[in-house]
C-alpha atoms as a PDB file:
ATOM      1  CA  MET A   1       0.212 -18.910  -3.326  1.00  0.00           C
ATOM      2  CA  SER A   2       2.316 -17.743  -6.247  1.00  0.00           C
ATOM      3  CA  GLU A   3       4.905 -15.008  -5.876  1.00  0.00           C
ATOM      4  CA  SER A   4       4.445 -11.683  -7.618  1.00  0.00           C
ATOM      5  CA  ARG A   5       6.109 -11.601 -11.038  1.00  0.00           C
ATOM      6  CA  GLU A   6       7.550  -8.185 -10.385  1.00  0.00           C
ATOM      7  CA  HIS A   7       9.136  -9.042  -6.988  1.00  0.00           C
ATOM      8  CA  PRO A   8       9.374 -12.800  -6.724  1.00  0.00           C
ATOM      9  CA  ALA A   9      11.203 -13.165  -3.423  1.00  0.00           C
ATOM     10  CA  THR A  10      12.237  -9.619  -2.506  1.00  0.00           C
ATOM     11  CA  PRO A  11      11.475  -8.628   1.071  1.00  0.00           C
ATOM     12  CA  TRP A  12       9.228  -5.547   1.343  1.00  0.00           C
ATOM     13  CA  TYR A  13      11.968  -3.367   2.835  1.00  0.00           C
ATOM     14  CA  GLN A  14      14.200  -3.956  -0.207  1.00  0.00           C
ATOM     15  CA  ARG A  15      11.647  -2.730  -2.726  1.00  0.00           C
ATOM     16  CA  PRO A  16      12.251   0.785  -4.068  1.00  0.00           C
ATOM     17  CA  ILE A  17       8.721   2.072  -3.258  1.00  0.00           C
ATOM     18  CA  TRP A  18       9.135   1.157   0.453  1.00  0.00           C
ATOM     19  CA  ILE A  19      12.610   2.652   0.581  1.00  0.00           C
ATOM     20  CA  VAL A  20      11.201   5.949  -0.741  1.00  0.00           C
ATOM     21  CA  VAL A  21       8.320   5.781   1.764  1.00  0.00           C
ATOM     22  CA  LEU A  22      10.720   5.189   4.626  1.00  0.00           C
ATOM     23  CA  LEU A  23      12.972   8.028   3.400  1.00  0.00           C
ATOM     24  CA  ILE A  24      10.000  10.314   3.765  1.00  0.00           C
ATOM     25  CA  VAL A  25       8.407   8.906   6.965  1.00  0.00           C
ATOM     26  CA  LEU A  26      11.355   7.479   8.928  1.00  0.00           C
ATOM     27  CA  PHE A  27      14.425   9.052   7.386  1.00  0.00           C
ATOM     28  CA  PRO A  28      17.291   7.290   9.202  1.00  0.00           C
ATOM     29  CA  VAL A  29      15.883   3.848   8.460  1.00  0.00           C
ATOM     30  CA  GLY A  30      15.137   4.805   4.849  1.00  0.00           C
ATOM     31  CA  LEU A  31      18.659   6.179   4.506  1.00  0.00           C
ATOM     32  CA  PHE A  32      20.163   2.909   5.706  1.00  0.00           C
ATOM     33  CA  LEU A  33      17.968   0.830   3.417  1.00  0.00           C
ATOM     34  CA  MET A  34      18.749   3.089   0.495  1.00  0.00           C
ATOM     35  CA  TRP A  35      22.516   2.611   0.863  1.00  0.00           C
ATOM     36  CA  ARG A  36      22.173  -1.121   1.620  1.00  0.00           C
ATOM     37  CA  TYR A  37      19.558  -2.314  -0.879  1.00  0.00           C
ATOM     38  CA  ALA A  38      18.588   0.317  -3.443  1.00  0.00           C
ATOM     39  CA  ASP A  39      20.022  -0.189  -6.900  1.00  0.00           C
ATOM     40  CA  TRP A  40      20.391   3.557  -7.443  1.00  0.00           C
ATOM     41  CA  GLN A  41      23.354   5.455  -8.833  1.00  0.00           C
ATOM     42  CA  PRO A  42      25.911   6.537  -6.181  1.00  0.00           C
ATOM     43  CA  ARG A  43      25.310  10.191  -7.192  1.00  0.00           C
ATOM     44  CA  THR A  44      21.592   9.849  -6.398  1.00  0.00           C
ATOM     45  CA  LYS A  45      22.366   8.300  -2.995  1.00  0.00           C
ATOM     46  CA  LYS A  46      24.809  11.125  -2.192  1.00  0.00           C
ATOM     47  CA  ILE A  47      22.248  13.776  -3.089  1.00  0.00           C
ATOM     48  CA  VAL A  48      19.542  12.166  -0.945  1.00  0.00           C
ATOM     49  CA  THR A  49      21.993  11.841   1.951  1.00  0.00           C
ATOM     50  CA  SER A  50      23.072  15.446   1.684  1.00  0.00           C
ATOM     51  CA  LEU A  51      19.448  16.527   1.879  1.00  0.00           C
ATOM     52  CA  TRP A  52      19.518  15.248   5.443  1.00  0.00           C
ATOM     53  CA  VAL A  53      23.095  15.873   6.536  1.00  0.00           C
ATOM     54  CA  TRP A  54      23.382  19.578   5.742  1.00  0.00           C
ATOM     55  CA  PRO A  55      20.028  20.672   7.266  1.00  0.00           C
ATOM     56  CA  MET A  56      20.934  18.691  10.404  1.00  0.00           C
ATOM     57  CA  ALA A  57      24.336  20.394  10.561  1.00  0.00           C
ATOM     58  CA  VAL A  58      22.699  23.812  10.251  1.00  0.00           C
ATOM     59  CA  TRP A  59      20.117  22.902  12.888  1.00  0.00           C
ATOM     60  CA  TRP A  60      22.851  21.765  15.287  1.00  0.00           C
ATOM     61  CA  LEU A  61      24.827  24.939  14.718  1.00  0.00           C
ATOM     62  CA  TRP A  62      21.996  27.360  15.186  1.00  0.00           C
ATOM     63  CA  LYS A  63      19.630  25.545  17.616  1.00  0.00           C
ATOM     64  CA  GLY A  64      18.482  27.386  20.699  1.00  0.00           C
ATOM     65  CA  GLY A  65      18.917  30.815  19.172  1.00  0.00           C
ATOM     66  CA  ARG A  66      22.620  30.897  20.023  1.00  0.00           C
ATOM     67  CA  SER A  67      24.863  33.110  17.940  1.00  0.00           C
ATOM     68  CA  ARG A  68      27.530  31.567  15.749  1.00  0.00           C
ATOM     69  CA  TRP A  69      30.175  32.426  18.335  1.00  0.00           C
ATOM     70  CA  GLU A  70      28.379  30.623  21.136  1.00  0.00           C
ATOM     71  CA  ILE A  71      28.384  27.134  19.624  1.00  0.00           C
ATOM     72  CA  GLY A  72      28.887  24.617  22.405  1.00  0.00           C
ATOM     73  CA  LEU A  73      31.089  21.565  22.425  1.00  0.00           C
ATOM     74  CA  ALA A  74      28.068  19.276  21.880  1.00  0.00           C
ATOM     75  CA  SER A  75      27.089  21.167  18.721  1.00  0.00           C
ATOM     76  CA  PHE A  76      30.656  21.000  17.426  1.00  0.00           C
ATOM     77  CA  ALA A  77      30.871  17.277  18.169  1.00  0.00           C
ATOM     78  CA  GLY A  78      27.537  16.779  16.399  1.00  0.00           C
ATOM     79  CA  LEU A  79      28.847  18.609  13.350  1.00  0.00           C
ATOM     80  CA  ILE A  80      32.020  16.481  13.291  1.00  0.00           C
ATOM     81  CA  TRP A  81      29.869  13.344  13.522  1.00  0.00           C
ATOM     82  CA  LEU A  82      27.787  14.489  10.563  1.00  0.00           C
ATOM     83  CA  VAL A  83      30.864  15.197   8.485  1.00  0.00           C
ATOM     84  CA  ILE A  84      32.220  11.704   9.264  1.00  0.00           C
ATOM     85  CA  VAL A  85      28.888  10.099   8.391  1.00  0.00           C
ATOM     86  CA  ALA A  86      28.712  12.100   5.152  1.00  0.00           C
ATOM     87  CA  GLY A  87      32.221  11.003   4.273  1.00  0.00           C
ATOM     88  CA  VAL A  88      31.421   7.323   4.914  1.00  0.00           C
ATOM     89  CA  PHE A  89      28.292   7.510   2.759  1.00  0.00           C
ATOM     90  CA  ALA A  90      30.058   9.513   0.058  1.00  0.00           C
ATOM     91  CA  GLY A  91      32.366   6.560  -0.474  1.00  0.00           C
END
């Protein structure tokens, strides 16, 4: 069988359409594939990453109906982890 002219030997997970699908359906996997294989501008990658990092940080800070003064050590550690991950992806 002949290869597709558009994607001669590109694995499915490296194609932009599948990266977008995985960003929507299975975000962590899509995020990894975006940074690893997508030929997108760094600014675009940073924006997509921030769309996940900041809502997760807010969720960790406010989960369980706790007030801002009752943030536990686990929530604080989670926030630190997110900041580190955001820094690594930001370049």
